[in-house]
Each structure stands twice: as C-alpha cells, then as structure tokens.
N, C-alpha and C. Protein backbone atom coordinates (compact mmCIF):
# COMPACT_ATOMS: atom_id res chain seq x y z
N UNK A 1 114.88 67.02 138.32
CA UNK A 1 114.99 65.74 137.52
C UNK A 1 113.69 64.81 137.17
N UNK A 2 114.00 65.51 135.76
CA UNK A 2 112.59 64.79 135.17
C UNK A 2 113.09 63.92 134.02
N UNK A 3 114.23 63.22 133.95
CA UNK A 3 115.18 62.51 132.83
C UNK A 3 115.20 61.60 133.47
N UNK A 4 114.98 60.89 134.57
CA UNK A 4 115.56 59.46 135.41
C UNK A 4 113.97 58.57 134.36
N UNK A 5 114.48 58.01 133.97
CA UNK A 5 114.08 56.63 134.24
C UNK A 5 113.54 56.03 134.65
N UNK A 6 112.19 55.30 134.64
CA UNK A 6 111.43 54.46 135.47
C UNK A 6 111.00 53.35 134.95
N UNK A 7 111.06 52.50 135.61
CA UNK A 7 110.93 50.72 134.73
C UNK A 7 109.73 49.99 135.91
N UNK A 8 108.62 49.03 135.31
CA UNK A 8 107.81 48.31 136.07
C UNK A 8 108.62 47.46 136.01
N UNK A 9 108.58 46.82 137.21
CA UNK A 9 109.48 45.65 137.60
C UNK A 9 108.23 44.46 137.97
N UNK A 10 109.06 42.83 137.67
CA UNK A 10 108.76 42.02 137.97
C UNK A 10 109.04 40.71 139.22
N UNK A 11 108.56 39.64 139.06
CA UNK A 11 108.77 39.31 140.31
C UNK A 11 110.19 38.76 140.60
N UNK A 12 111.08 38.24 139.95
CA UNK A 12 112.33 37.95 140.13
C UNK A 12 113.03 39.34 140.65
N UNK A 13 112.24 40.69 140.52
CA UNK A 13 112.74 41.38 141.90
C UNK A 13 112.29 41.88 142.87
N UNK A 14 111.44 40.81 143.82
CA UNK A 14 110.83 40.89 144.22
C UNK A 14 112.37 41.17 145.87
N UNK A 15 112.78 40.40 146.03
CA UNK A 15 113.39 40.61 147.04
C UNK A 15 114.39 41.47 147.16
N UNK A 16 115.17 42.00 145.98
CA UNK A 16 115.80 43.41 146.14
C UNK A 16 115.11 44.35 146.35
N UNK A 17 113.72 44.62 146.21
CA UNK A 17 112.97 45.49 146.31
C UNK A 17 113.00 45.84 147.85
N UNK A 18 112.26 44.57 148.54
CA UNK A 18 111.92 44.21 150.07
C UNK A 18 113.53 45.15 150.72
N UNK A 19 114.54 44.53 150.00
CA UNK A 19 115.73 44.78 150.93
C UNK A 19 115.80 46.60 150.55
N UNK A 20 115.67 46.69 149.29
CA UNK A 20 115.72 48.21 149.12
C UNK A 20 114.66 49.27 150.40
N UNK A 21 113.75 49.18 150.50
CA UNK A 21 112.94 49.37 151.08
C UNK A 21 113.40 48.85 152.70
N UNK A 22 113.79 47.84 153.08
CA UNK A 22 113.63 47.89 154.67
C UNK A 22 115.48 48.66 155.10
N UNK A 23 116.12 48.41 153.95
CA UNK A 23 117.17 49.58 154.39
C UNK A 23 117.11 51.06 154.56
N UNK A 24 115.67 51.78 153.57
CA UNK A 24 115.55 53.29 153.59
C UNK A 24 114.97 53.21 154.93
N UNK A 25 114.15 52.54 155.50
CA UNK A 25 113.06 52.58 156.57
C UNK A 25 113.71 52.26 157.85
N UNK A 26 114.88 51.57 158.04
CA UNK A 26 115.90 51.02 158.92
C UNK A 26 115.58 52.42 160.41
N UNK A 27 116.03 53.28 159.75
CA UNK A 27 116.38 54.41 161.06
C UNK A 27 114.80 54.88 161.29
N UNK A 28 113.86 54.97 160.80
CA UNK A 28 112.37 55.38 161.20
C UNK A 28 111.73 55.06 162.39
N UNK A 29 111.70 55.91 162.88
CA UNK A 29 110.45 55.09 164.84
C UNK A 29 110.01 54.34 164.94
N UNK A 30 109.03 54.65 163.63
CA UNK A 30 108.05 53.07 163.63
C UNK A 30 109.38 51.80 163.13
N UNK A 31 109.89 51.74 162.29
CA UNK A 31 110.62 50.49 162.62
C UNK A 31 111.26 50.24 163.92
N UNK A 32 112.08 51.01 164.55
CA UNK A 32 112.35 50.66 165.91
C UNK A 32 111.65 50.44 167.02
N UNK A 33 110.26 50.64 166.83
CA UNK A 33 109.35 49.92 167.60
C UNK A 33 108.89 48.39 167.31
N UNK A 34 109.03 48.23 165.83
CA UNK A 34 108.39 46.96 165.50
C UNK A 34 109.76 45.96 165.67
N UNK A 35 110.81 46.60 164.79
CA UNK A 35 112.30 45.31 165.98
C UNK A 35 113.12 46.38 166.52
N UNK A 36 112.40 45.76 168.16
CA UNK A 36 113.93 46.85 168.75
C UNK A 36 115.18 46.73 168.50
N UNK A 37 115.82 45.59 168.18
CA UNK A 37 116.75 44.64 168.21
C UNK A 37 117.83 45.37 166.58
N UNK A 38 118.12 46.52 167.05
CA UNK A 38 118.84 47.01 165.91
C UNK A 38 119.83 46.28 165.06
N UNK A 39 120.45 45.37 165.54
CA UNK A 39 121.23 44.37 164.94
C UNK A 39 120.54 43.17 163.75
N UNK A 40 119.26 42.84 164.25
CA UNK A 40 118.59 41.93 163.16
C UNK A 40 117.31 43.16 162.49
N UNK A 41 117.18 44.24 162.89
CA UNK A 41 115.98 45.18 162.62
C UNK A 41 115.98 45.05 160.74
N UNK A 42 116.81 45.52 160.13
CA UNK A 42 116.88 45.52 158.69
C UNK A 42 116.72 44.52 158.09
N UNK A 43 117.07 42.65 158.56
CA UNK A 43 116.65 41.86 157.81
C UNK A 43 115.43 41.81 157.87
N UNK A 44 114.74 41.42 159.40
CA UNK A 44 113.37 41.08 159.96
C UNK A 44 112.30 41.91 158.82
N UNK A 45 113.09 43.35 158.84
CA UNK A 45 112.20 44.04 157.67
C UNK A 45 112.07 43.29 156.29
N UNK A 46 113.26 43.19 155.61
CA UNK A 46 112.95 42.94 154.79
C UNK A 46 112.48 41.64 154.48
N UNK A 47 112.82 40.65 155.50
CA UNK A 47 111.54 39.38 154.94
C UNK A 47 110.18 39.65 155.50
N UNK A 48 109.94 40.76 155.77
CA UNK A 48 108.07 41.12 156.26
C UNK A 48 108.23 41.76 155.29
N UNK A 49 108.99 42.59 154.88
CA UNK A 49 108.74 43.63 153.26
C UNK A 49 108.59 42.71 152.25
N UNK A 50 109.36 41.48 152.09
CA UNK A 50 109.43 40.55 151.40
C UNK A 50 107.81 39.85 150.59
N UNK A 51 107.07 39.40 152.07
CA UNK A 51 105.75 39.23 151.84
C UNK A 51 104.76 40.31 150.68
N UNK A 52 104.45 41.35 151.23
CA UNK A 52 103.94 42.48 150.77
C UNK A 52 104.23 43.12 149.22
N UNK A 53 105.50 43.05 149.12
CA UNK A 53 105.80 43.24 147.68
C UNK A 53 105.81 42.29 146.71
N UNK A 54 105.86 40.60 147.24
CA UNK A 54 105.62 39.68 146.47
C UNK A 54 103.82 39.79 146.24
N UNK A 55 103.01 39.91 147.16
CA UNK A 55 102.18 40.38 146.92
C UNK A 55 101.65 41.23 146.00
N UNK A 56 101.94 42.79 145.93
CA UNK A 56 102.12 44.09 144.89
C UNK A 56 102.54 43.46 143.76
N UNK A 57 103.73 42.13 143.69
CA UNK A 57 103.94 41.91 142.46
C UNK A 57 102.76 41.21 141.35
N UNK A 58 102.23 40.78 142.50
CA UNK A 58 100.78 39.82 141.72
C UNK A 58 99.95 40.56 141.35
N UNK A 59 99.59 41.58 142.50
CA UNK A 59 97.89 42.16 142.36
C UNK A 59 98.29 43.66 142.06
N UNK A 60 99.40 44.36 142.50
CA UNK A 60 99.71 45.55 142.21
C UNK A 60 100.88 46.33 140.94
N UNK A 61 101.03 47.49 141.48
CA UNK A 61 102.11 47.56 140.74
C UNK A 61 103.32 48.11 141.22
N UNK A 62 104.97 47.74 140.77
CA UNK A 62 106.09 47.84 141.34
C UNK A 62 106.91 49.03 140.44
N UNK A 63 107.19 49.57 141.02
CA UNK A 63 108.23 50.80 139.60
C UNK A 63 109.26 51.08 140.63
N UNK A 64 110.68 51.04 139.68
CA UNK A 64 111.89 51.46 139.91
C UNK A 64 112.45 52.43 139.15
N UNK A 65 113.20 53.26 139.63
CA UNK A 65 113.94 54.31 138.64
C UNK A 65 114.96 53.15 138.18
N UNK A 66 115.16 53.27 137.13
CA UNK A 66 116.40 53.00 136.43
C UNK A 66 117.58 51.77 136.90
N UNK A 67 118.02 52.59 137.86
CA UNK A 67 119.28 51.98 138.91
C UNK A 67 118.81 51.64 140.33
N UNK A 68 117.71 51.03 140.04
CA UNK A 68 116.36 50.81 141.15
C UNK A 68 117.61 51.31 142.64
N UNK A 69 117.63 52.75 142.53
CA UNK A 69 118.35 53.75 143.68
C UNK A 69 116.64 53.57 144.38
N UNK A 70 115.66 53.61 143.71
CA UNK A 70 114.27 54.26 144.09
C UNK A 70 112.92 52.97 144.19
N UNK A 71 112.18 52.92 144.82
CA UNK A 71 111.38 52.25 144.13
C UNK A 71 109.97 52.82 145.06
N UNK A 72 109.06 52.42 144.19
CA UNK A 72 107.45 52.50 144.94
C UNK A 72 106.46 51.12 144.31
N UNK A 73 105.82 50.55 145.50
CA UNK A 73 104.95 49.84 145.56
C UNK A 73 103.53 50.41 145.84
N UNK A 74 102.30 49.97 144.93
CA UNK A 74 101.45 50.46 144.46
C UNK A 74 100.26 49.58 144.64
N UNK A 75 99.38 49.45 145.54
CA UNK A 75 98.13 48.60 145.25
C UNK A 75 96.93 49.02 145.03
N UNK A 76 96.27 48.96 144.07
CA UNK A 76 95.07 49.68 143.37
C UNK A 76 93.77 48.72 144.09
N UNK A 77 92.61 49.79 144.84
CA UNK A 77 92.07 49.59 145.49
C UNK A 77 90.60 49.70 144.76
N UNK A 78 89.82 48.87 143.89
CA UNK A 78 88.66 49.25 143.33
C UNK A 78 88.01 47.97 143.81
N UNK A 79 86.80 48.36 143.89
CA UNK A 79 86.26 47.26 144.10
C UNK A 79 86.25 46.59 145.54
N UNK A 80 86.15 45.19 144.97
CA UNK A 80 86.70 44.40 146.20
C UNK A 80 88.07 44.54 146.30
N UNK A 81 89.09 44.67 147.50
CA UNK A 81 90.50 44.66 147.57
C UNK A 81 90.95 43.73 147.34
N UNK A 82 92.17 43.52 147.20
CA UNK A 82 92.69 42.28 146.50
C UNK A 82 92.73 41.13 148.01
N UNK A 83 93.08 39.92 147.58
CA UNK A 83 92.93 39.24 148.69
C UNK A 83 94.55 38.96 149.48
N UNK A 84 94.10 38.73 150.70
CA UNK A 84 95.17 38.84 151.48
C UNK A 84 96.26 37.64 150.70
N UNK A 85 97.82 38.15 151.13
CA UNK A 85 98.51 37.17 151.01
C UNK A 85 98.50 36.16 151.27
N UNK A 86 98.85 35.13 150.51
CA UNK A 86 98.63 33.86 150.45
C UNK A 86 99.40 33.28 151.96
N UNK A 87 98.55 32.66 152.95
CA UNK A 87 99.04 32.07 154.03
C UNK A 87 99.87 33.13 155.04
N UNK A 88 99.33 34.27 154.79
CA UNK A 88 100.00 35.26 155.66
C UNK A 88 100.18 35.33 156.70
N UNK A 89 99.67 34.52 157.80
CA UNK A 89 99.68 34.02 159.06
C UNK A 89 100.95 33.83 159.17
N UNK A 90 101.10 32.80 158.54
CA UNK A 90 102.51 31.64 158.52
C UNK A 90 103.20 32.44 158.45
N UNK A 91 103.57 32.86 156.95
CA UNK A 91 104.56 33.58 156.74
C UNK A 91 105.40 34.95 157.47
N UNK A 92 104.29 35.69 158.47
CA UNK A 92 104.31 36.81 159.12
C UNK A 92 104.96 35.74 160.35
N UNK A 93 104.55 35.27 160.64
CA UNK A 93 105.38 34.61 161.80
C UNK A 93 106.61 34.04 161.82
N UNK A 94 107.02 33.34 160.05
CA UNK A 94 108.45 33.40 159.95
C UNK A 94 109.16 34.07 159.66
N UNK A 95 108.62 35.50 159.06
CA UNK A 95 109.55 36.17 159.02
C UNK A 95 109.96 37.33 160.21
N UNK A 96 108.94 37.49 161.03
CA UNK A 96 108.93 38.32 162.22
C UNK A 96 109.27 37.71 163.30
N UNK A 97 109.24 36.62 163.81
CA UNK A 97 109.51 35.70 164.37
C UNK A 97 108.76 36.14 166.19
N UNK A 98 109.95 36.66 167.10
CA UNK A 98 109.07 37.13 168.48
C UNK A 98 108.40 38.24 168.17
N UNK A 99 108.83 39.22 167.02
CA UNK A 99 107.88 40.80 167.19
C UNK A 99 106.38 40.45 165.84
N UNK A 100 106.13 39.21 166.21
CA UNK A 100 105.36 39.20 164.98
C UNK A 100 104.30 40.01 165.81
N UNK A 101 103.83 39.80 166.86
CA UNK A 101 102.62 40.35 167.46
C UNK A 101 102.54 41.97 167.44
N UNK A 102 103.68 42.53 166.97
CA UNK A 102 104.21 43.82 166.78
C UNK A 102 103.84 44.49 165.55
N UNK A 103 103.95 43.56 164.40
CA UNK A 103 103.51 43.96 163.18
C UNK A 103 102.21 43.26 162.71
N UNK A 104 101.45 42.21 164.02
CA UNK A 104 100.00 42.65 163.98
C UNK A 104 99.36 43.07 164.18
N UNK A 105 99.85 43.92 165.39
CA UNK A 105 99.16 45.41 165.97
C UNK A 105 99.24 46.89 164.78
N UNK A 106 100.07 46.68 163.90
CA UNK A 106 100.58 47.52 162.86
C UNK A 106 99.61 47.20 162.24
N UNK A 107 99.34 46.14 161.51
CA UNK A 107 98.21 45.74 160.39
C UNK A 107 96.92 45.89 160.96
N UNK A 108 96.92 45.84 162.27
CA UNK A 108 95.37 46.43 162.58
C UNK A 108 94.95 47.38 162.69
N UNK A 109 96.17 48.38 162.46
CA UNK A 109 95.86 49.92 162.76
C UNK A 109 95.68 50.73 161.33
N UNK A 110 96.70 49.67 160.31
CA UNK A 110 96.32 50.13 159.18
C UNK A 110 95.36 50.17 158.53
N UNK A 111 94.53 48.46 158.91
CA UNK A 111 93.15 48.26 158.62
C UNK A 111 92.16 48.75 159.00
N UNK A 112 92.42 49.57 160.19
CA UNK A 112 91.23 50.50 160.76
C UNK A 112 91.36 51.35 160.39
N UNK A 113 92.55 52.00 159.75
CA UNK A 113 92.58 53.48 159.18
C UNK A 113 92.16 53.14 157.54
N UNK A 114 91.92 52.56 156.72
CA UNK A 114 92.13 52.52 155.80
C UNK A 114 91.11 52.90 154.66
N UNK A 115 90.48 53.84 154.09
CA UNK A 115 89.73 54.08 152.99
C UNK A 115 89.23 52.89 152.22
N UNK A 116 87.54 53.26 152.12
CA UNK A 116 86.91 52.28 151.35
C UNK A 116 86.60 52.65 149.48
N UNK A 117 86.96 53.93 149.58
CA UNK A 117 86.44 54.62 148.09
C UNK A 117 87.82 53.23 147.74
N UNK A 118 87.44 53.77 146.24
CA UNK A 118 88.30 53.47 145.06
C UNK A 118 89.41 54.63 145.06
N UNK A 119 90.91 53.65 145.34
CA UNK A 119 92.09 54.39 144.63
C UNK A 119 93.12 53.45 145.01
N UNK A 120 94.16 54.31 144.37
CA UNK A 120 96.04 53.27 144.84
C UNK A 120 95.92 53.77 145.79
N UNK A 121 96.63 52.78 146.70
CA UNK A 121 97.47 52.83 147.93
C UNK A 121 99.07 52.55 147.57
N UNK A 122 99.77 53.72 148.14
CA UNK A 122 101.19 53.34 148.45
C UNK A 122 101.66 52.94 149.60
N UNK A 123 101.76 51.52 149.38
CA UNK A 123 102.34 51.03 150.20
C UNK A 123 103.61 51.43 150.76
N UNK A 124 104.45 51.39 149.88
CA UNK A 124 106.05 52.11 150.13
C UNK A 124 106.62 53.06 149.02
N UNK A 125 107.50 53.71 149.66
CA UNK A 125 108.03 54.43 148.47
C UNK A 125 109.58 54.55 149.40
N UNK A 126 110.57 54.11 148.54
CA UNK A 126 111.84 54.19 149.37
C UNK A 126 112.98 54.38 148.24
N UNK A 127 114.23 55.26 149.17
CA UNK A 127 114.98 55.66 148.25
C UNK A 127 116.27 55.06 149.20
N UNK A 128 117.36 54.66 148.64
CA UNK A 128 118.29 54.24 148.89
C UNK A 128 118.79 55.57 150.04
N UNK A 129 119.36 55.44 151.31
CA UNK A 129 120.00 56.15 151.99
C UNK A 129 120.70 57.40 151.38
N UNK A 130 121.59 56.98 150.30
CA UNK A 130 122.95 57.95 150.02
C UNK A 130 122.60 58.90 148.93
N UNK A 131 121.00 58.48 148.51
CA UNK A 131 120.58 58.98 147.28
C UNK A 131 119.08 59.74 147.69
N UNK A 132 119.03 59.71 149.07
CA UNK A 132 117.27 60.96 149.69
C UNK A 132 118.22 62.31 149.11
N UNK A 133 116.75 62.88 149.15
CA UNK A 133 117.00 64.33 148.90
C UNK A 133 118.00 65.12 147.61
N UNK A 134 117.49 63.48 146.81
CA UNK A 134 117.80 63.90 145.38
C UNK A 134 116.34 64.14 144.17
N UNK A 135 115.70 63.78 144.66
CA UNK A 135 114.59 64.12 143.69
C UNK A 135 113.64 62.57 143.15
N UNK A 136 114.67 61.23 143.45
CA UNK A 136 114.15 60.48 143.12
C UNK A 136 112.96 59.98 143.41
N UNK A 137 112.13 60.07 144.50
CA UNK A 137 111.15 60.13 145.19
C UNK A 137 110.02 60.37 144.51
N UNK A 138 110.54 62.27 144.01
CA UNK A 138 109.37 62.60 142.93
C UNK A 138 109.05 62.02 142.00
N UNK A 139 110.57 61.40 141.33
CA UNK A 139 110.42 60.84 139.87
C UNK A 139 109.38 59.98 140.04
N UNK A 140 109.01 58.54 140.87
CA UNK A 140 108.53 57.79 141.21
C UNK A 140 107.07 58.68 141.72
N UNK A 141 106.72 59.50 142.40
CA UNK A 141 105.35 60.02 142.55
C UNK A 141 104.65 60.52 140.87
N UNK A 142 105.25 61.19 140.55
CA UNK A 142 104.81 62.07 139.58
C UNK A 142 104.48 60.93 138.10
N UNK A 143 105.42 60.20 138.06
CA UNK A 143 105.27 58.80 137.12
C UNK A 143 103.83 58.05 137.28
N UNK A 144 103.38 57.92 138.72
CA UNK A 144 102.43 57.27 138.84
C UNK A 144 100.78 58.25 139.19
N UNK A 145 101.25 59.62 139.58
CA UNK A 145 100.55 60.39 139.59
C UNK A 145 99.75 60.25 138.65
N UNK A 146 100.48 60.80 137.00
CA UNK A 146 100.20 60.89 135.86
C UNK A 146 98.76 59.95 135.31
N UNK A 147 99.32 58.79 135.81
CA UNK A 147 97.93 57.42 135.78
C UNK A 147 97.03 57.83 136.05
N UNK A 148 96.96 58.07 137.34
CA UNK A 148 96.15 58.29 138.52
C UNK A 148 95.02 59.50 137.92
N UNK A 149 95.66 60.49 137.54
CA UNK A 149 95.11 61.74 136.92
C UNK A 149 93.93 61.30 136.14
N UNK A 150 95.23 60.64 134.81
CA UNK A 150 94.11 60.42 133.48
C UNK A 150 93.18 59.41 133.81
N UNK A 151 93.08 58.43 135.03
CA UNK A 151 92.05 57.72 135.11
C UNK A 151 91.01 58.06 136.16
N UNK A 152 91.48 59.45 136.85
CA UNK A 152 90.60 60.13 137.47
C UNK A 152 90.12 58.98 138.89
N UNK A 153 91.71 58.63 139.41
CA UNK A 153 91.81 57.84 140.67
C UNK A 153 92.55 58.64 141.85
N UNK A 154 92.22 58.53 142.82
CA UNK A 154 92.98 59.05 144.34
C UNK A 154 93.77 58.01 144.31
N UNK A 155 95.12 58.79 145.85
CA UNK A 155 96.06 58.17 145.82
C UNK A 155 95.44 58.17 147.56
N UNK A 156 95.90 57.20 148.13
CA UNK A 156 95.98 57.04 149.64
C UNK A 156 97.63 56.46 149.92
N UNK A 157 98.01 56.93 151.43
CA UNK A 157 99.21 56.35 151.85
C UNK A 157 98.62 57.00 153.32
N UNK A 158 99.94 56.06 153.67
CA UNK A 158 100.08 55.99 155.40
C UNK A 158 101.99 56.75 155.51
N UNK A 159 102.11 58.06 155.94
CA UNK A 159 103.45 58.62 156.48
C UNK A 159 104.19 58.25 157.87
N UNK A 160 105.32 58.13 157.44
CA UNK A 160 105.80 57.34 158.59
C UNK A 160 106.10 58.24 158.86
N UNK A 161 106.91 59.59 159.12
CA UNK A 161 107.58 60.24 159.36
C UNK A 161 107.15 61.83 158.76
N UNK A 162 107.74 62.33 159.33
CA UNK A 162 107.32 64.20 159.64
C UNK A 162 107.86 64.47 157.96
N UNK A 163 108.67 64.32 157.55
CA UNK A 163 109.93 64.30 156.78
C UNK A 163 109.15 63.68 155.32
N UNK A 164 108.69 62.95 154.85
CA UNK A 164 107.66 62.06 154.68
C UNK A 164 106.18 62.74 154.48
N UNK A 165 105.86 63.29 155.36
CA UNK A 165 104.53 63.51 155.39
C UNK A 165 104.64 64.77 154.48
N UNK A 166 106.19 65.72 154.52
CA UNK A 166 106.28 67.26 154.01
C UNK A 166 106.07 66.86 152.48
N UNK A 167 106.79 65.90 151.95
CA UNK A 167 106.85 65.42 150.72
C UNK A 167 105.92 65.18 149.90
N UNK A 168 104.93 64.05 150.83
CA UNK A 168 103.75 63.36 150.35
C UNK A 168 102.58 65.03 149.98
N UNK A 169 102.66 65.89 150.72
CA UNK A 169 102.19 66.93 150.99
C UNK A 169 102.34 67.99 149.66
N UNK A 170 103.48 68.10 149.22
CA UNK A 170 103.86 68.53 148.00
C UNK A 170 103.46 68.27 147.14
N UNK A 171 103.06 67.10 147.40
CA UNK A 171 102.58 66.49 145.73
C UNK A 171 100.82 66.54 146.02
N UNK A 172 100.32 66.86 146.83
CA UNK A 172 98.75 67.30 146.61
C UNK A 172 98.21 66.82 147.69
N UNK A 173 98.81 65.84 148.71
CA UNK A 173 98.13 64.53 149.58
C UNK A 173 98.02 65.71 150.68
N UNK A 174 96.29 65.29 151.64
CA UNK A 174 95.85 65.91 152.21
C UNK A 174 95.85 65.10 153.65
N UNK A 175 96.29 65.53 154.94
CA UNK A 175 96.85 64.68 156.19
C UNK A 175 95.48 64.69 156.79
N UNK A 176 95.31 63.03 157.23
CA UNK A 176 94.61 63.18 158.26
C UNK A 176 94.57 63.75 159.58
N UNK A 177 93.82 63.12 160.67
CA UNK A 177 94.53 62.91 162.21
C UNK A 177 95.54 61.59 161.77
N UNK A 178 96.55 61.45 162.76
CA UNK A 178 97.40 60.48 163.00
C UNK A 178 97.18 59.51 163.73
N UNK A 179 97.19 58.51 163.57
CA UNK A 179 97.48 57.03 164.22
C UNK A 179 98.81 56.77 164.60
N UNK A 180 98.73 56.12 166.41
CA UNK A 180 100.49 55.91 166.66
C UNK A 180 100.44 54.81 166.92
N UNK A 181 101.28 54.38 166.86
CA UNK A 181 101.63 52.81 167.50
C UNK A 181 102.01 52.98 169.46
N UNK A 182 102.22 52.13 170.44
CA UNK A 182 102.34 52.10 171.99
C UNK A 182 103.43 53.13 172.22
N UNK A 183 104.12 53.66 171.22
CA UNK A 183 105.28 54.14 171.62
C UNK A 183 105.25 55.72 171.48
N UNK A 184 104.13 56.01 170.52
CA UNK A 184 103.66 57.25 170.20
C UNK A 184 104.35 57.61 168.56
N UNK A 185 104.81 56.78 168.20
CA UNK A 185 105.33 56.78 166.66
C UNK A 185 104.28 57.25 165.69
N UNK A 186 103.95 58.44 165.08
CA UNK A 186 103.01 58.37 164.37
C UNK A 186 102.88 57.68 162.99
N UNK A 187 101.78 57.96 162.73
CA UNK A 187 101.73 57.59 160.79
C UNK A 187 100.70 58.31 160.29
N UNK A 188 101.09 59.22 159.32
CA UNK A 188 100.03 59.86 159.00
C UNK A 188 99.25 59.69 157.74
N UNK A 189 97.68 59.41 157.99
CA UNK A 189 96.46 59.15 156.74
C UNK A 189 96.85 60.27 155.88
N UNK A 190 97.30 60.00 154.50
CA UNK A 190 97.01 60.50 153.49
C UNK A 190 96.16 60.80 152.15
N UNK A 191 95.64 61.36 151.32
CA UNK A 191 94.56 61.60 150.62
C UNK A 191 94.99 62.24 149.78
N UNK A 192 95.12 62.14 148.17
CA UNK A 192 95.23 62.85 147.18
C UNK A 192 94.25 62.57 146.04
N UNK A 193 93.23 63.75 145.73
CA UNK A 193 92.19 63.54 144.54
C UNK A 193 93.04 63.94 143.76
N UNK A 194 92.86 63.17 141.97
CA UNK A 194 93.16 64.02 140.94
C UNK A 194 93.32 64.70 140.64
N UNK A 195 93.99 65.55 140.25
CA UNK A 195 94.10 66.37 139.22
C UNK A 195 93.67 66.71 137.53
N UNK A 196 93.05 67.56 137.54
CA UNK A 196 92.09 68.00 136.12
C UNK A 196 91.12 67.07 135.31
C-alpha cells in the first residue's frame, strides 16, 4: 500500500485527531489503567490527547491519510525541547478529573525514559479500529522516515503493546528495556537510527 495520500494537518483538525487516537487506544492495557471506567475512558482520553495534539500542531508535525483513518503525531526534539503545553497542569486536571494522578504518573515515566539526543518523537500513531492491519500505519511511518533519513535524524517512540512493538521493529526501531505502570502494563522505548 504505497499509493495512499498523506496530508499534513492544521489546528482546525486538532479535536478530530485526538478522537481518532482515543478510539484506537481505548482497548490498550495502558489506557485501561489510566481510566478504569470503560464508559468514560474514550472521552477522557480524547480530552487528554487534545492537549497534546494541540501542542504538536504548534511545535510538531501531524500527518494523516487523506481519509483521516490513520494519524501520526511527531514532536521534533532538537537542541532545547519545545516548551510544555500552555497551562498544562490545569488543562490536564480539567481533562482527566479523578484520574489526573495516573496521567501525571505516566508523564513522569515518559520524562524519566526520554532520550536527550536530537530526534523526532512519535508521540502517537493511531489507526481507526476497523482499518487496522491494512498497512495505513506503515504508510505514515514510511512517509516521515523519508524525512528523517534525508535529514540524518533518529526517531524515538514508546510502544504500548506487543503488536505495536513488532510493527515498529519492522521499521528499524530497536527496543530498550520496558518500563511499566503500577499494574504491570508495559511501554517499550524504541529508537531508530536514520538510514542512508
């Protein structure tokens, strides 16, 4: 699947991107820990992801397939990292409510394991559940990896499932020791050196 058009998105699509990620991530072990209430999980995740996607619209790169079935959110980390999202603590509390401490704990884990070398961070790669397994994630990865390879920049991400870890490994990412949430759900830090 190489003929799927990829588009760069702008701020007007922030909410729809956040909702696409929330829908795709809802069944993951890590999100079940973050928001144990299944009835509220997708809405809370969307509100949380909206903060991060909004930040990426200003300081990063957000791509999607033309039909918006798949989205990728990248944050370049060159020299000094981008400032945190504006009013982050207040916005996080408003988005996550009683589960805010869980999201804060996850933020601390991410920060403790994040590399300092220049790279692009794949914050999110999400595909609509009914379209998963059809190569759309591969299309978005190849699209941005072409940029990284041309610029000689590594990529970094935290895989949140064994399935995604295998996908990223096929694209040249090497997995480091996982870090875990209190319930044992794992994140796999993964690093990709540029090709060529």
